[in-house]
Amino acid sequence: MTVTKEMAGEPADQELDVTKDVCPMTFVRVRLALDRMLPGQTLHIRLTGSEPAENVPRTAVGLGHRVISKIVGPDGVVSLLLQRGD
């Protein structure tokens, strides 16, 4: 299952699929995407693996961003919706 626009309450401003990447590249790509966004914008990320599923949201929060939702689908794909901080 992925986070749909309706589930998040509004459309994500950007989408990023890092399901084929491994750590640390998963967060490198996420950080680059967040750095190019404006404060308050949202990023929908699709990722796989237990390490990225834990590290990406934790590191994003540590950098001042907000996790809006995290949903693990039956196929193991994690849909993460982040909001860029100030």
C-alpha atoms as a PDB file:
ATOM      1  CA  MET A   1       0.000   0.000   0.000  1.00  0.00           C
ATOM      2  CA  THR A   2       1.266   3.499  -0.727  1.00  0.00           C
ATOM      3  CA  VAL A   3       0.266   6.775   0.814  1.00  0.00           C
ATOM      4  CA  THR A   4      -2.321   8.233  -1.487  1.00  0.00           C
ATOM      5  CA  LYS A   5      -3.182  11.885  -1.752  1.00  0.00           C
ATOM      6  CA  GLU A   6      -6.437  11.200   0.038  1.00  0.00           C
ATOM      7  CA  MET A   7      -4.723   9.361   2.918  1.00  0.00           C
ATOM      8  CA  ALA A   8      -2.307  12.229   3.485  1.00  0.00           C
ATOM      9  CA  GLY A   9      -5.120  14.779   3.336  1.00  0.00           C
ATOM     10  CA  GLU A  10      -3.476  16.651   0.467  1.00  0.00           C
ATOM     11  CA  PRO A  11      -1.216  15.858  -2.467  1.00  0.00           C
ATOM     12  CA  ALA A  12       2.515  15.455  -1.877  1.00  0.00           C
ATOM     13  CA  ASP A  13       4.557  18.195  -3.490  1.00  0.00           C
ATOM     14  CA  GLN A  14       7.182  15.694  -4.674  1.00  0.00           C
ATOM     15  CA  GLU A  15       7.618  11.933  -4.967  1.00  0.00           C
ATOM     16  CA  LEU A  16      10.793   9.890  -4.604  1.00  0.00           C
ATOM     17  CA  ASP A  17      11.301   6.141  -5.090  1.00  0.00           C
ATOM     18  CA  VAL A  18      14.428   4.767  -3.395  1.00  0.00           C
ATOM     19  CA  THR A  19      13.340   1.132  -3.366  1.00  0.00           C
ATOM     20  CA  LYS A  20      16.348   0.129  -5.456  1.00  0.00           C
ATOM     21  CA  ASP A  21      18.876   2.056  -3.330  1.00  0.00           C
ATOM     22  CA  VAL A  22      20.701   0.897  -0.208  1.00  0.00           C
ATOM     23  CA  CYS A  23      21.916   2.827   2.828  1.00  0.00           C
ATOM     24  CA  PRO A  24      23.420   5.358   2.970  1.00  0.00           C
ATOM     25  CA  MET A  25      22.241   6.351  -0.533  1.00  0.00           C
ATOM     26  CA  THR A  26      18.598   6.123   0.530  1.00  0.00           C
ATOM     27  CA  PHE A  27      18.948   9.070   2.870  1.00  0.00           C
ATOM     28  CA  VAL A  28      21.380  10.932   0.616  1.00  0.00           C
ATOM     29  CA  ARG A  29      18.713  11.023  -2.112  1.00  0.00           C
ATOM     30  CA  VAL A  30      15.993  11.938   0.414  1.00  0.00           C
ATOM     31  CA  ARG A  31      18.107  14.752   1.866  1.00  0.00           C
ATOM     32  CA  LEU A  32      18.919  16.151  -1.577  1.00  0.00           C
ATOM     33  CA  ALA A  33      15.203  16.176  -2.415  1.00  0.00           C
ATOM     34  CA  LEU A  34      14.298  17.862   0.897  1.00  0.00           C
ATOM     35  CA  ASP A  35      17.060  20.451   0.479  1.00  0.00           C
ATOM     36  CA  ARG A  36      15.535  21.531  -2.854  1.00  0.00           C
ATOM     37  CA  MET A  37      12.071  21.967  -1.356  1.00  0.00           C
ATOM     38  CA  LEU A  38      10.505  24.935   0.401  1.00  0.00           C
ATOM     39  CA  PRO A  39       9.616  24.785   4.115  1.00  0.00           C
ATOM     40  CA  GLY A  40       6.232  23.140   4.604  1.00  0.00           C
ATOM     41  CA  GLN A  41       6.293  21.192   1.343  1.00  0.00           C
ATOM     42  CA  THR A  42       5.773  17.435   1.463  1.00  0.00           C
ATOM     43  CA  LEU A  43       7.766  14.542   0.039  1.00  0.00           C
ATOM     44  CA  HIS A  44       6.307  11.085  -0.532  1.00  0.00           C
ATOM     45  CA  ILE A  45       9.049   8.436  -0.401  1.00  0.00           C
ATOM     46  CA  ARG A  46       8.868   4.745  -1.289  1.00  0.00           C
ATOM     47  CA  LEU A  47      11.615   2.613   0.260  1.00  0.00           C
ATOM     48  CA  THR A  48      12.383  -0.963   1.254  1.00  0.00           C
ATOM     49  CA  GLY A  49      14.420  -2.658   3.955  1.00  0.00           C
ATOM     50  CA  SER A  50      14.368  -2.396   7.725  1.00  0.00           C
ATOM     51  CA  GLU A  51      17.474  -0.183   7.962  1.00  0.00           C
ATOM     52  CA  PRO A  52      16.200   2.568   5.627  1.00  0.00           C
ATOM     53  CA  ALA A  53      12.703   2.291   7.136  1.00  0.00           C
ATOM     54  CA  GLU A  54      14.179   3.198  10.531  1.00  0.00           C
ATOM     55  CA  ASN A  55      17.030   5.490   9.527  1.00  0.00           C
ATOM     56  CA  VAL A  56      15.329   7.750   6.984  1.00  0.00           C
ATOM     57  CA  PRO A  57      12.504   9.002   9.254  1.00  0.00           C
ATOM     58  CA  ARG A  58      14.769   9.211  12.320  1.00  0.00           C
ATOM     59  CA  THR A  59      17.418  11.217  10.484  1.00  0.00           C
ATOM     60  CA  ALA A  60      14.824  13.450   8.820  1.00  0.00           C
ATOM     61  CA  VAL A  61      13.308  14.307  12.206  1.00  0.00           C
ATOM     62  CA  GLY A  62      16.791  14.948  13.573  1.00  0.00           C
ATOM     63  CA  LEU A  63      17.285  17.519  10.797  1.00  0.00           C
ATOM     64  CA  GLY A  64      14.052  19.322  11.706  1.00  0.00           C
ATOM     65  CA  HIS A  65      11.604  17.711   9.281  1.00  0.00           C
ATOM     66  CA  ARG A  66       8.314  16.065  10.257  1.00  0.00           C
ATOM     67  CA  VAL A  67       7.014  12.554   9.582  1.00  0.00           C
ATOM     68  CA  ILE A  68       3.374  12.853   8.560  1.00  0.00           C
ATOM     69  CA  SER A  69       2.798   9.152   7.948  1.00  0.00           C
ATOM     70  CA  LYS A  70       4.619   5.859   7.606  1.00  0.00           C
ATOM     71  CA  ILE A  71       2.809   2.893   6.115  1.00  0.00           C
ATOM     72  CA  VAL A  72       4.279  -0.545   5.473  1.00  0.00           C
ATOM     73  CA  GLY A  73       2.538  -2.371   2.654  1.00  0.00           C
ATOM     74  CA  PRO A  74       2.050  -6.138   2.454  1.00  0.00           C
ATOM     75  CA  ASP A  75       4.858  -6.254  -0.111  1.00  0.00           C
ATOM     76  CA  GLY A  76       7.268  -4.710   2.412  1.00  0.00           C
ATOM     77  CA  VAL A  77       7.441  -1.361   0.626  1.00  0.00           C
ATOM     78  CA  VAL A  78       7.351   1.518   3.080  1.00  0.00           C
ATOM     79  CA  SER A  79       5.502   4.684   2.069  1.00  0.00           C
ATOM     80  CA  LEU A  80       6.777   7.629   4.034  1.00  0.00           C
ATOM     81  CA  LEU A  81       5.346  11.121   3.880  1.00  0.00           C
ATOM     82  CA  LEU A  82       7.673  13.844   5.166  1.00  0.00           C
ATOM     83  CA  GLN A  83       7.127  17.551   5.556  1.00  0.00           C
ATOM     84  CA  ARG A  84      10.143  19.814   5.144  1.00  0.00           C
ATOM     85  CA  GLY A  85      10.976  21.849   8.214  1.00  0.00           C
ATOM     86  CA  ASP A  86      12.084  25.468   8.347  1.00  0.00           C
END
